[in-house]
């Protein structure tokens, strides 16, 4: 089985590396070709276009930044659709909205290929460790064929049914994550302004029912005032925007989600787009 991998950002580079290290035959492509170098040194092959990768691999996987990038790589000039054909598979693991996933699925099927969406829950460290949660939907046969690769990239995988359900699940998960982070930052800022030791706030949280890996990891960033990027803040804001749009589409009010989206928009405007999502604290805490 030959695999292609398109998109070598923070997540994609780690995920592709796990496939190469596991002995899979992997061809990689990235818009900035220099990002392929490390994977090629590890044993991957270099692809020149998404079309070329899709035409020479049994299953091509993509991990791209946003719906615009996902559509361009799949449907644009020299894109996946131009090379897929003949029953080959395309797995888009990017976080997009259900309409984007559906549009790509329709074009892949029309070209003779099989499509599966597979957004993931997890950030940089789980991607590196191969402990992501894979939220797949679409062609069941492709899900089964891609299972060996999924099991090298993730610790759990779910098949959620028809195309769009993976995207919806991911937006639900990230809207909850964004809300948790926002109220966590507010609580930390409130406690600090009230004279409490932030380290002791974290200790109390970690000892009780609210203990969770995110508070522990992001809490350390807040204490140090440094925000090395595991999950770029701009991508969380994009996910929140898509979740709010899904709420509009389905007629589900998202009072908290809309407010959290505005907070992350403010953080982007303040220059924190490329920092970790925990950097939202910098617009929560007031002097």
Protein backbone atom coordinates (compact mmCIF):
# COMPACT_ATOMS: atom_id res chain seq x y z
CA UNK A 1 0.00 0.00 0.00
CA UNK A 2 1.39 3.37 -1.04
CA UNK A 3 0.38 6.45 0.94
CA UNK A 4 0.52 10.11 0.01
CA UNK A 5 0.57 12.90 2.57
CA UNK A 6 -0.31 16.50 1.68
CA UNK A 7 0.33 19.32 4.16
CA UNK A 8 3.30 19.30 6.51
CA UNK A 9 2.50 21.88 9.13
CA UNK A 10 2.71 21.34 12.88
CA UNK A 11 0.28 18.42 12.75
CA UNK A 12 0.89 16.96 9.31
CA UNK A 13 4.65 16.73 9.64
CA UNK A 14 4.35 14.74 12.87
CA UNK A 15 1.62 12.47 11.50
CA UNK A 16 3.51 11.75 8.28
CA UNK A 17 6.70 11.08 10.25
CA UNK A 18 4.89 8.40 12.26
CA UNK A 19 3.87 6.66 9.05
CA UNK A 20 7.41 6.77 7.65
CA UNK A 21 8.93 5.49 10.89
CA UNK A 22 6.41 2.63 10.89
CA UNK A 23 7.73 1.50 7.53
CA UNK A 24 4.93 2.72 5.27
CA UNK A 25 5.72 3.76 1.70
CA UNK A 26 4.95 7.51 1.90
CA UNK A 27 5.14 10.30 -0.67
CA UNK A 28 4.88 13.82 0.77
CA UNK A 29 3.98 17.20 -0.66
CA UNK A 30 3.74 20.68 0.80
CA UNK A 31 3.11 24.08 -0.74
CA UNK A 32 6.44 25.19 0.77
CA UNK A 33 8.59 22.38 -0.63
CA UNK A 34 11.34 22.90 1.96
CA UNK A 35 9.04 21.40 4.59
CA UNK A 36 9.36 18.06 2.79
CA UNK A 37 13.12 17.88 3.38
CA UNK A 38 13.01 16.43 6.89
CA UNK A 39 10.50 13.74 5.87
CA UNK A 40 12.54 12.85 2.77
CA UNK A 41 15.63 12.51 4.98
CA UNK A 42 13.58 10.16 7.16
CA UNK A 43 12.73 7.96 4.17
CA UNK A 44 9.73 9.52 2.42
CA UNK A 45 9.53 10.26 -1.28
CA UNK A 46 8.91 13.78 -2.57
CA UNK A 47 5.84 14.60 -4.67
CA UNK A 48 5.72 17.61 -6.96
CA UNK A 49 1.95 18.28 -6.95
CA UNK A 50 -1.17 16.94 -5.20
CA UNK A 51 -2.23 15.54 -8.59
CA UNK A 52 0.99 13.54 -8.90
CA UNK A 53 0.74 12.21 -5.36
CA UNK A 54 -2.91 11.16 -5.76
CA UNK A 55 -2.20 9.46 -9.09
CA UNK A 56 0.66 7.34 -7.73
CA UNK A 57 -0.60 6.43 -4.25
CA UNK A 58 -3.34 4.03 -3.16
CA UNK A 59 -4.46 6.36 -0.36
CA UNK A 60 -3.65 10.06 -0.16
CA UNK A 61 -4.04 11.86 3.18
CA UNK A 62 -4.29 15.62 3.60
CA UNK A 63 -3.82 17.77 6.71
CA UNK A 64 -4.41 21.38 5.72
CA UNK A 65 -4.98 24.67 7.50
CA UNK A 66 -8.56 25.63 6.64
CA UNK A 67 -11.45 25.12 4.21
CA UNK A 68 -9.85 27.37 1.60
CA UNK A 69 -6.64 25.34 1.55
CA UNK A 70 -8.58 22.06 1.57
CA UNK A 71 -10.61 23.12 -1.46
CA UNK A 72 -7.58 24.40 -3.36
CA UNK A 73 -5.48 21.28 -2.82
CA UNK A 74 -8.34 18.94 -3.67
CA UNK A 75 -10.11 20.80 -6.47
CA UNK A 76 -7.62 23.37 -7.80
CA UNK A 77 -5.15 23.17 -10.68
CA UNK A 78 -2.94 20.08 -10.33
CA UNK A 79 -5.14 19.09 -7.40
CA UNK A 80 -6.14 15.72 -6.04
CA UNK A 81 -9.25 15.38 -8.21
CA UNK A 82 -7.13 15.54 -11.36
CA UNK A 83 -5.10 12.53 -10.23
CA UNK A 84 -7.37 10.39 -8.09
CA UNK A 85 -9.43 8.07 -10.35
CA UNK A 86 -9.49 4.27 -10.46
CA UNK A 87 -10.85 3.68 -6.95
CA UNK A 88 -7.93 5.27 -5.14
CA UNK A 89 -8.69 6.90 -1.80
CA UNK A 90 -8.51 10.45 -0.47
CA UNK A 91 -8.64 11.08 3.28
CA UNK A 92 -8.93 14.74 4.29
CA UNK A 93 -7.96 15.09 7.95
CA UNK A 94 -8.17 18.88 7.92
CA UNK A 95 -10.66 20.67 10.18
CA UNK A 96 -13.28 22.09 7.84
CA UNK A 97 -17.04 22.60 7.82
CA UNK A 98 -19.49 19.94 6.65
CA UNK A 99 -20.25 21.78 3.40
CA UNK A 100 -16.57 21.85 2.43
CA UNK A 101 -16.21 18.14 3.20
CA UNK A 102 -19.31 17.42 1.13
CA UNK A 103 -18.10 19.44 -1.85
CA UNK A 104 -14.77 17.63 -1.89
CA UNK A 105 -16.45 14.23 -1.46
CA UNK A 106 -18.75 14.88 -4.43
CA UNK A 107 -15.90 15.80 -6.75
CA UNK A 108 -13.71 12.90 -5.65
CA UNK A 109 -16.54 10.44 -6.26
CA UNK A 110 -17.28 11.96 -9.67
CA UNK A 111 -13.62 11.40 -10.59
CA UNK A 112 -13.85 7.72 -9.64
CA UNK A 113 -12.18 7.94 -6.25
CA UNK A 114 -13.25 7.17 -2.69
CA UNK A 115 -13.46 9.87 -0.02
CA UNK A 116 -13.21 9.86 3.75
CA UNK A 117 -13.04 12.82 6.09
CA UNK A 118 -10.92 12.23 9.16
CA UNK A 119 -10.40 15.33 11.32
CA UNK A 120 -8.50 14.67 14.52
CA UNK A 121 -8.86 15.62 18.13
CA UNK A 122 -5.43 16.42 19.56
CA UNK A 123 -2.60 18.90 19.12
CA UNK A 124 1.16 18.81 18.50
CA UNK A 125 2.21 16.37 21.25
CA UNK A 126 -0.49 13.76 20.50
CA UNK A 127 0.38 14.07 16.80
CA UNK A 128 4.02 13.38 17.63
CA UNK A 129 3.13 10.51 19.97
CA UNK A 130 0.60 8.93 17.62
CA UNK A 131 -2.21 9.35 20.16
CA UNK A 132 -4.70 11.42 18.19
CA UNK A 133 -8.42 10.63 18.09
CA UNK A 134 -9.56 10.20 14.48
CA UNK A 135 -13.14 11.23 13.63
CA UNK A 136 -13.86 9.56 10.29
CA UNK A 137 -16.92 9.61 8.05
CA UNK A 138 -17.64 8.75 4.44
CA UNK A 139 -16.59 5.66 2.48
CA UNK A 140 -16.52 2.69 4.88
CA UNK A 141 -14.26 0.60 2.63
CA UNK A 142 -11.68 3.39 2.63
CA UNK A 143 -11.94 3.64 6.41
CA UNK A 144 -11.14 -0.07 6.66
CA UNK A 145 -8.29 0.17 4.14
CA UNK A 146 -6.75 3.17 5.91
CA UNK A 147 -7.04 1.58 9.39
CA UNK A 148 -3.36 0.48 9.58
CA UNK A 149 -2.24 4.07 8.94
CA UNK A 150 -4.82 5.50 11.34
CA UNK A 151 -3.56 3.17 14.06
CA UNK A 152 -0.04 4.59 13.70
CA UNK A 153 -1.31 8.17 13.94
CA UNK A 154 -3.95 7.77 16.64
CA UNK A 155 -4.93 5.91 19.77
CA UNK A 156 -8.64 5.80 18.90
CA UNK A 157 -10.65 5.99 15.69
CA UNK A 158 -14.37 6.25 15.15
CA UNK A 159 -16.47 5.80 12.02
CA UNK A 160 -19.30 8.33 12.32
CA UNK A 161 -21.33 7.63 9.19
CA UNK A 162 -21.94 9.89 6.22
CA UNK A 163 -19.65 12.71 5.09
CA UNK A 164 -20.12 15.80 7.24
CA UNK A 165 -20.45 14.00 10.55
CA UNK A 166 -16.69 13.98 11.09
CA UNK A 167 -16.52 17.73 10.52
CA UNK A 168 -19.45 18.32 12.85
CA UNK A 169 -17.94 16.18 15.61
CA UNK A 170 -14.64 18.05 15.36
CA UNK A 171 -16.34 21.45 15.56
CA UNK A 172 -18.33 20.33 18.62
CA UNK A 173 -15.14 19.13 20.33
CA UNK A 174 -13.19 22.31 19.56
CA UNK A 175 -16.01 24.64 20.52
CA UNK A 176 -16.07 22.94 23.93
CA UNK A 177 -12.29 23.17 24.16
CA UNK A 178 -12.32 26.87 23.29
CA UNK A 179 -14.98 27.56 25.90
CA UNK A 180 -13.09 25.64 28.57
CA UNK A 181 -9.91 27.55 27.81
CA UNK A 182 -11.67 30.92 27.87
CA UNK A 183 -13.26 30.40 31.29
CA UNK A 184 -10.02 28.88 32.60
CA UNK A 185 -8.12 32.01 31.58
CA UNK A 186 -10.77 34.23 33.15
CA UNK A 187 -10.63 32.27 36.41
CA UNK A 188 -6.83 32.44 36.50
CA UNK A 189 -6.91 36.20 35.86
CA UNK A 190 -9.56 36.70 38.53
CA UNK A 191 -7.62 34.72 41.09
CA UNK A 192 -4.37 36.52 40.33
CA UNK A 193 -6.07 39.92 40.64
CA UNK A 194 -7.53 38.75 43.94
CA UNK A 195 -4.09 38.02 45.32
CA UNK A 196 -4.11 34.25 44.90
CA UNK A 197 -1.03 32.33 43.82
CA UNK A 198 -1.70 31.08 40.25
CA UNK A 199 0.32 27.94 40.94
CA UNK A 200 -1.97 27.14 43.86
CA UNK A 201 -5.06 27.68 41.68
CA UNK A 202 -3.66 25.07 39.31
CA UNK A 203 -2.96 22.74 42.22
CA UNK A 204 -6.56 23.02 43.44
CA UNK A 205 -7.96 22.40 39.95
CA UNK A 206 -5.71 19.40 39.43
CA UNK A 207 -6.82 17.82 42.69
CA UNK A 208 -10.54 17.89 41.98
CA UNK A 209 -13.21 16.99 39.48
CA UNK A 210 -12.02 19.61 36.96
CA UNK A 211 -8.56 18.08 36.59
CA UNK A 212 -7.66 17.66 32.93
CA UNK A 213 -4.56 17.64 30.71
CA UNK A 214 -5.42 20.95 29.02
CA UNK A 215 -5.57 22.96 32.24
CA UNK A 216 -2.32 21.39 33.39
CA UNK A 217 -0.47 22.03 30.12
CA UNK A 218 -1.87 25.47 29.35
CA UNK A 219 -1.59 26.49 33.00
CA UNK A 220 2.17 26.08 32.80
CA UNK A 221 2.22 28.45 29.81
CA UNK A 222 0.21 31.03 31.74
CA UNK A 223 2.61 30.86 34.70
CA UNK A 224 5.67 31.31 32.47
CA UNK A 225 4.08 33.87 30.17
CA UNK A 226 5.39 31.95 27.16
CA UNK A 227 3.21 30.35 24.51
CA UNK A 228 5.13 27.93 22.27
CA UNK A 229 2.72 26.79 19.59
CA UNK A 230 1.06 23.42 19.93
CA UNK A 231 -2.27 24.55 18.46
CA UNK A 232 -2.14 27.93 16.70
CA UNK A 233 -4.63 30.41 18.08
CA UNK A 234 -5.71 31.41 14.55
CA UNK A 235 -6.80 27.85 13.86
CA UNK A 236 -8.90 27.68 17.02
CA UNK A 237 -10.60 30.93 16.04
CA UNK A 238 -11.30 29.45 12.60
CA UNK A 239 -12.86 26.39 14.24
CA UNK A 240 -14.99 28.55 16.53
CA UNK A 241 -16.15 30.59 13.53
CA UNK A 242 -17.15 27.39 11.73
CA UNK A 243 -18.94 26.09 14.84
CA UNK A 244 -20.95 29.32 15.15
CA UNK A 245 -21.86 29.05 11.45
CA UNK A 246 -22.99 25.45 12.01
CA UNK A 247 -25.16 26.66 14.87
CA UNK A 248 -26.75 29.19 12.55
CA UNK A 249 -27.32 26.50 9.93
CA UNK A 250 -28.97 24.11 12.38
CA UNK A 251 -30.88 26.74 14.36
CA UNK A 252 -28.98 26.00 17.57
CA UNK A 253 -28.15 29.10 19.67
CA UNK A 254 -24.50 29.19 20.76
CA UNK A 255 -24.41 32.00 23.29
CA UNK A 256 -21.14 30.92 24.89
CA UNK A 257 -19.56 29.79 21.63
CA UNK A 258 -20.23 33.12 19.90
CA UNK A 259 -18.75 35.03 22.84
CA UNK A 260 -15.66 32.83 22.90
CA UNK A 261 -15.23 33.32 19.16
CA UNK A 262 -15.21 37.10 19.68
CA UNK A 263 -12.57 36.70 22.40
CA UNK A 264 -10.32 34.71 20.07
CA UNK A 265 -10.91 37.25 17.29
CA UNK A 266 -9.69 39.94 19.66
CA UNK A 267 -6.58 37.87 20.43
CA UNK A 268 -5.88 37.46 16.69
CA UNK A 269 -6.24 41.18 16.14
CA UNK A 270 -3.85 41.80 19.03
CA UNK A 271 -1.10 39.88 17.23
CA UNK A 272 -1.33 36.45 18.87
CA UNK A 273 -2.55 34.50 15.81
CA UNK A 274 0.53 32.29 15.47
CA UNK A 275 1.02 31.67 19.19
CA UNK A 276 -0.56 28.80 21.09
CA UNK A 277 -4.26 28.98 21.94
CA UNK A 278 -3.26 29.67 25.56
CA UNK A 279 -2.09 33.11 24.40
CA UNK A 280 -5.74 34.19 24.55
CA UNK A 281 -4.91 34.83 28.21
CA UNK A 282 -3.03 37.94 27.12
CA UNK A 283 -6.28 39.66 26.16
CA UNK A 284 -8.20 38.27 29.16
CA UNK A 285 -5.86 39.50 31.88
CA UNK A 286 -6.04 43.27 32.29
CA UNK A 287 -3.23 45.34 33.88
